[in-house]
N, C-alpha and C. Protein backbone atom coordinates (compact mmCIF):
# COMPACT_ATOMS: atom_id res chain seq x y z
N MET A 1 -22.18 24.83 -4.09
CA MET A 1 -21.97 26.22 -3.73
C MET A 1 -20.84 26.77 -4.60
N ALA A 2 -21.09 27.88 -5.22
CA ALA A 2 -20.11 28.51 -6.10
C ALA A 2 -19.04 29.21 -5.26
N THR A 3 -17.81 29.17 -5.75
CA THR A 3 -16.69 29.81 -5.06
C THR A 3 -16.17 30.93 -5.95
N ASP A 4 -16.02 32.10 -5.33
CA ASP A 4 -15.49 33.25 -6.05
C ASP A 4 -13.98 33.30 -5.80
N TYR A 5 -13.20 32.88 -6.79
CA TYR A 5 -11.76 32.84 -6.63
C TYR A 5 -11.12 34.22 -6.75
N ASP A 6 -11.86 35.21 -7.21
CA ASP A 6 -11.35 36.56 -7.32
C ASP A 6 -11.55 37.36 -6.03
N ALA A 7 -12.28 36.83 -5.08
CA ALA A 7 -12.55 37.54 -3.83
C ALA A 7 -11.27 37.60 -3.01
N PRO A 8 -11.06 38.67 -2.27
CA PRO A 8 -9.84 38.78 -1.44
C PRO A 8 -9.86 37.72 -0.34
N ARG A 9 -8.67 37.27 0.01
CA ARG A 9 -8.54 36.27 1.05
C ARG A 9 -8.66 36.90 2.42
N ARG A 10 -8.99 36.07 3.41
CA ARG A 10 -9.12 36.59 4.77
C ARG A 10 -7.75 36.87 5.36
N ASP A 11 -7.68 37.82 6.27
CA ASP A 11 -6.43 38.15 6.94
C ASP A 11 -6.10 37.10 8.00
N LYS A 12 -4.85 37.17 8.51
CA LYS A 12 -4.44 36.26 9.56
C LYS A 12 -5.27 36.46 10.82
N GLU A 13 -5.67 37.69 11.09
CA GLU A 13 -6.46 37.98 12.28
C GLU A 13 -7.79 37.24 12.24
N GLU A 14 -8.37 37.10 11.06
CA GLU A 14 -9.64 36.40 10.94
C GLU A 14 -9.45 34.90 11.09
N ASN A 15 -8.27 34.38 10.77
CA ASN A 15 -8.02 32.95 10.85
C ASN A 15 -7.86 32.45 12.28
N THR A 16 -7.65 33.33 13.25
CA THR A 16 -7.46 32.91 14.63
C THR A 16 -8.79 32.71 15.33
N GLY A 17 -9.87 32.90 14.65
CA GLY A 17 -11.20 32.71 15.22
C GLY A 17 -11.53 31.24 15.37
N PRO A 18 -12.79 30.87 15.19
CA PRO A 18 -13.20 29.48 15.40
C PRO A 18 -12.57 28.52 14.41
N ASP A 19 -11.99 29.03 13.30
CA ASP A 19 -11.35 28.16 12.33
C ASP A 19 -9.90 27.89 12.68
N GLY A 20 -9.41 28.42 13.77
CA GLY A 20 -7.99 28.33 14.11
C GLY A 20 -7.56 26.95 14.52
N ILE A 21 -6.29 26.85 14.92
CA ILE A 21 -5.70 25.58 15.30
C ILE A 21 -6.38 24.99 16.53
N GLU A 22 -6.78 25.84 17.46
CA GLU A 22 -7.44 25.35 18.66
C GLU A 22 -8.74 24.63 18.32
N ALA A 23 -9.50 25.18 17.38
CA ALA A 23 -10.75 24.56 16.98
C ALA A 23 -10.50 23.22 16.30
N LEU A 24 -9.43 23.14 15.50
CA LEU A 24 -9.09 21.88 14.86
C LEU A 24 -8.67 20.84 15.89
N ALA A 25 -7.90 21.27 16.88
CA ALA A 25 -7.46 20.34 17.92
C ALA A 25 -8.65 19.85 18.72
N LYS A 26 -9.60 20.71 19.01
CA LYS A 26 -10.80 20.29 19.73
C LYS A 26 -11.63 19.33 18.88
N GLY A 27 -11.63 19.52 17.59
CA GLY A 27 -12.39 18.65 16.70
C GLY A 27 -11.82 17.25 16.61
N ARG A 28 -10.54 17.06 16.93
CA ARG A 28 -9.91 15.74 16.85
C ARG A 28 -10.20 14.90 18.09
N THR A 29 -10.79 15.46 19.09
CA THR A 29 -11.11 14.68 20.28
C THR A 29 -12.58 14.29 20.24
N ASP A 30 -12.87 13.14 20.82
CA ASP A 30 -14.26 12.72 20.86
C ASP A 30 -14.90 13.23 22.15
N GLN A 31 -16.09 12.75 22.47
CA GLN A 31 -16.82 13.26 23.63
C GLN A 31 -16.10 12.95 24.93
N SER A 32 -15.33 11.88 25.00
CA SER A 32 -14.64 11.53 26.24
C SER A 32 -13.39 12.38 26.45
N GLY A 33 -12.97 13.11 25.43
CA GLY A 33 -11.81 13.98 25.57
C GLY A 33 -10.51 13.33 25.16
N SER A 34 -10.53 12.08 24.71
CA SER A 34 -9.30 11.43 24.29
C SER A 34 -9.04 11.69 22.81
N VAL A 35 -7.77 11.66 22.43
CA VAL A 35 -7.38 11.91 21.06
C VAL A 35 -7.69 10.66 20.24
N ASP A 36 -7.95 10.84 18.94
CA ASP A 36 -8.25 9.71 18.06
C ASP A 36 -7.14 8.67 18.14
N VAL A 37 -7.53 7.40 18.11
CA VAL A 37 -6.54 6.32 18.17
C VAL A 37 -6.00 6.03 16.78
N ASP A 38 -4.84 5.43 16.75
CA ASP A 38 -4.19 5.08 15.50
C ASP A 38 -4.95 3.95 14.82
N GLU A 39 -5.22 4.08 13.52
CA GLU A 39 -5.99 3.08 12.79
C GLU A 39 -5.25 1.76 12.72
N ALA A 40 -3.92 1.79 12.69
CA ALA A 40 -3.14 0.55 12.63
C ALA A 40 -3.33 -0.27 13.90
N GLU A 41 -3.41 0.40 15.05
CA GLU A 41 -3.62 -0.31 16.30
C GLU A 41 -4.99 -0.96 16.34
N VAL A 42 -5.99 -0.28 15.83
CA VAL A 42 -7.34 -0.83 15.78
C VAL A 42 -7.38 -2.04 14.86
N ALA A 43 -6.70 -1.96 13.72
CA ALA A 43 -6.69 -3.05 12.75
C ALA A 43 -5.99 -4.28 13.30
N GLU A 44 -4.99 -4.11 14.16
CA GLU A 44 -4.29 -5.25 14.72
C GLU A 44 -5.20 -6.09 15.61
N ASN A 45 -6.14 -5.46 16.30
CA ASN A 45 -7.03 -6.15 17.22
C ASN A 45 -8.28 -6.68 16.53
N PHE A 46 -8.47 -6.41 15.27
CA PHE A 46 -9.66 -6.80 14.55
C PHE A 46 -9.44 -8.14 13.87
N GLU A 47 -10.33 -9.10 14.11
CA GLU A 47 -10.21 -10.42 13.49
C GLU A 47 -11.37 -10.63 12.53
N LEU A 48 -11.04 -11.14 11.36
CA LEU A 48 -12.06 -11.45 10.38
C LEU A 48 -12.64 -12.83 10.67
N PRO A 49 -13.95 -12.99 10.53
CA PRO A 49 -14.52 -14.32 10.77
C PRO A 49 -14.06 -15.30 9.71
N GLY A 50 -13.67 -16.48 10.13
CA GLY A 50 -13.21 -17.51 9.20
C GLY A 50 -11.78 -17.32 8.73
N ALA A 51 -11.04 -16.38 9.29
CA ALA A 51 -9.69 -16.10 8.84
C ALA A 51 -8.65 -16.95 9.57
N ASP A 52 -9.06 -17.74 10.54
CA ASP A 52 -8.11 -18.57 11.29
C ASP A 52 -7.77 -19.80 10.46
N LEU A 53 -6.58 -19.80 9.87
CA LEU A 53 -6.13 -20.92 9.04
C LEU A 53 -5.00 -21.67 9.71
N GLY A 54 -4.90 -21.58 11.03
CA GLY A 54 -3.81 -22.21 11.75
C GLY A 54 -3.81 -23.72 11.65
N ASP A 55 -4.98 -24.35 11.54
CA ASP A 55 -5.03 -25.80 11.48
C ASP A 55 -5.04 -26.35 10.06
N GLU A 56 -4.95 -25.48 9.06
CA GLU A 56 -4.94 -25.89 7.67
C GLU A 56 -3.53 -26.28 7.24
N GLU A 57 -3.43 -27.33 6.46
CA GLU A 57 -2.14 -27.76 5.93
C GLU A 57 -2.14 -27.57 4.42
N LEU A 58 -1.18 -26.83 3.94
CA LEU A 58 -1.09 -26.58 2.51
C LEU A 58 -0.08 -27.55 1.91
N SER A 59 -0.49 -28.18 0.84
CA SER A 59 0.44 -29.10 0.17
C SER A 59 0.47 -28.76 -1.31
N VAL A 60 1.67 -28.46 -1.78
CA VAL A 60 1.88 -28.09 -3.17
C VAL A 60 3.03 -28.93 -3.71
N LYS A 61 2.85 -29.48 -4.87
CA LYS A 61 3.92 -30.26 -5.49
C LYS A 61 4.81 -29.30 -6.26
N VAL A 62 6.08 -29.24 -5.90
CA VAL A 62 7.03 -28.34 -6.53
C VAL A 62 7.82 -29.12 -7.57
N LEU A 63 7.79 -28.62 -8.79
CA LEU A 63 8.52 -29.26 -9.88
C LEU A 63 9.86 -28.56 -10.09
N PRO A 64 10.90 -29.29 -10.38
CA PRO A 64 12.18 -28.64 -10.69
C PRO A 64 12.09 -27.92 -12.03
N MET A 65 13.00 -26.99 -12.25
CA MET A 65 13.01 -26.23 -13.49
C MET A 65 13.25 -27.18 -14.67
N GLN A 66 12.44 -27.03 -15.70
CA GLN A 66 12.50 -27.91 -16.86
C GLN A 66 13.60 -27.47 -17.83
N GLN A 67 13.90 -28.32 -18.80
CA GLN A 67 14.94 -28.04 -19.78
C GLN A 67 14.61 -26.84 -20.66
N ASP A 68 13.32 -26.59 -20.89
CA ASP A 68 12.92 -25.48 -21.76
C ASP A 68 12.56 -24.22 -20.97
N GLU A 69 13.04 -24.10 -19.74
CA GLU A 69 12.75 -22.94 -18.90
C GLU A 69 14.06 -22.27 -18.47
N PHE A 70 13.94 -21.01 -18.09
CA PHE A 70 15.09 -20.26 -17.57
C PHE A 70 14.62 -19.34 -16.46
N ARG A 71 15.55 -18.94 -15.61
CA ARG A 71 15.24 -18.01 -14.51
C ARG A 71 15.77 -16.64 -14.89
N CYS A 72 14.88 -15.66 -14.94
CA CYS A 72 15.26 -14.29 -15.28
C CYS A 72 16.14 -13.72 -14.15
N SER A 73 17.23 -13.10 -14.52
CA SER A 73 18.14 -12.56 -13.51
C SER A 73 17.69 -11.20 -12.99
N SER A 74 16.61 -10.66 -13.57
CA SER A 74 16.08 -9.38 -13.10
C SER A 74 14.90 -9.58 -12.14
N CYS A 75 13.90 -10.36 -12.56
CA CYS A 75 12.71 -10.56 -11.72
C CYS A 75 12.74 -11.88 -10.97
N PHE A 76 13.71 -12.75 -11.28
CA PHE A 76 13.92 -14.04 -10.62
C PHE A 76 12.75 -15.00 -10.79
N LEU A 77 11.92 -14.81 -11.81
CA LEU A 77 10.84 -15.72 -12.12
C LEU A 77 11.31 -16.74 -13.15
N VAL A 78 10.72 -17.93 -13.11
CA VAL A 78 11.02 -18.96 -14.08
C VAL A 78 10.08 -18.80 -15.25
N HIS A 79 10.64 -18.66 -16.47
CA HIS A 79 9.86 -18.46 -17.69
C HIS A 79 10.16 -19.56 -18.69
N HIS A 80 9.24 -19.74 -19.61
CA HIS A 80 9.47 -20.62 -20.74
C HIS A 80 10.48 -19.94 -21.67
N ARG A 81 11.20 -20.74 -22.43
CA ARG A 81 12.24 -20.18 -23.31
C ARG A 81 11.67 -19.23 -24.36
N SER A 82 10.36 -19.29 -24.63
CA SER A 82 9.76 -18.35 -25.58
C SER A 82 9.72 -16.93 -25.01
N GLN A 83 9.92 -16.76 -23.70
CA GLN A 83 9.93 -15.44 -23.07
C GLN A 83 11.33 -14.85 -22.97
N PHE A 84 12.32 -15.56 -23.46
CA PHE A 84 13.71 -15.09 -23.41
C PHE A 84 13.88 -13.90 -24.35
N ALA A 85 14.48 -12.82 -23.85
CA ALA A 85 14.69 -11.61 -24.66
C ALA A 85 16.16 -11.43 -25.00
N LYS A 86 17.03 -11.45 -23.99
CA LYS A 86 18.46 -11.20 -24.24
C LYS A 86 19.26 -11.66 -23.03
N GLU A 87 20.56 -11.58 -23.17
CA GLU A 87 21.46 -11.83 -22.05
C GLU A 87 22.16 -10.53 -21.68
N LYS A 88 22.23 -10.28 -20.39
CA LYS A 88 22.91 -9.08 -19.90
C LYS A 88 23.97 -9.55 -18.91
N ASN A 89 25.23 -9.30 -19.24
CA ASN A 89 26.35 -9.76 -18.43
C ASN A 89 26.33 -11.29 -18.26
N GLY A 90 25.90 -11.97 -19.31
CA GLY A 90 25.87 -13.43 -19.29
C GLY A 90 24.68 -14.01 -18.56
N GLN A 91 23.76 -13.17 -18.11
CA GLN A 91 22.58 -13.62 -17.37
C GLN A 91 21.33 -13.44 -18.24
N PRO A 92 20.40 -14.41 -18.25
CA PRO A 92 19.20 -14.30 -19.08
C PRO A 92 18.22 -13.26 -18.55
N ILE A 93 17.57 -12.56 -19.49
CA ILE A 93 16.57 -11.55 -19.16
C ILE A 93 15.29 -11.90 -19.93
N CYS A 94 14.14 -11.84 -19.25
CA CYS A 94 12.86 -12.14 -19.91
C CYS A 94 12.37 -10.92 -20.68
N LYS A 95 11.35 -11.14 -21.52
CA LYS A 95 10.79 -10.05 -22.33
C LYS A 95 10.14 -8.97 -21.47
N ASP A 96 9.58 -9.34 -20.35
CA ASP A 96 8.94 -8.36 -19.48
C ASP A 96 9.95 -7.40 -18.86
N CYS A 97 11.13 -7.88 -18.56
CA CYS A 97 12.16 -7.04 -17.92
C CYS A 97 13.06 -6.34 -18.92
N ALA A 98 13.04 -6.77 -20.17
CA ALA A 98 13.94 -6.20 -21.18
C ALA A 98 13.57 -4.78 -21.54
């Protein structure tokens, strides 16, 4: 549908008709008359099938920082020395943060 942007706008008196705030408020209620529920509350009660990982045990071998690695003082990630860009206040900075 084409819109004529040069056409005059409706007055405030015309806006109080069925397009008014009352009509919008009535539109937010369903047939039972209750107001729409918060989506966050609905999502809290929703469970995905197979998402229960309570009985799973995760095991990861953690290696200490190697001689050729450094910890960036900006992003706090451990990088290989090839990612070293500069030192700022005596602290190493990686190329991504530089």
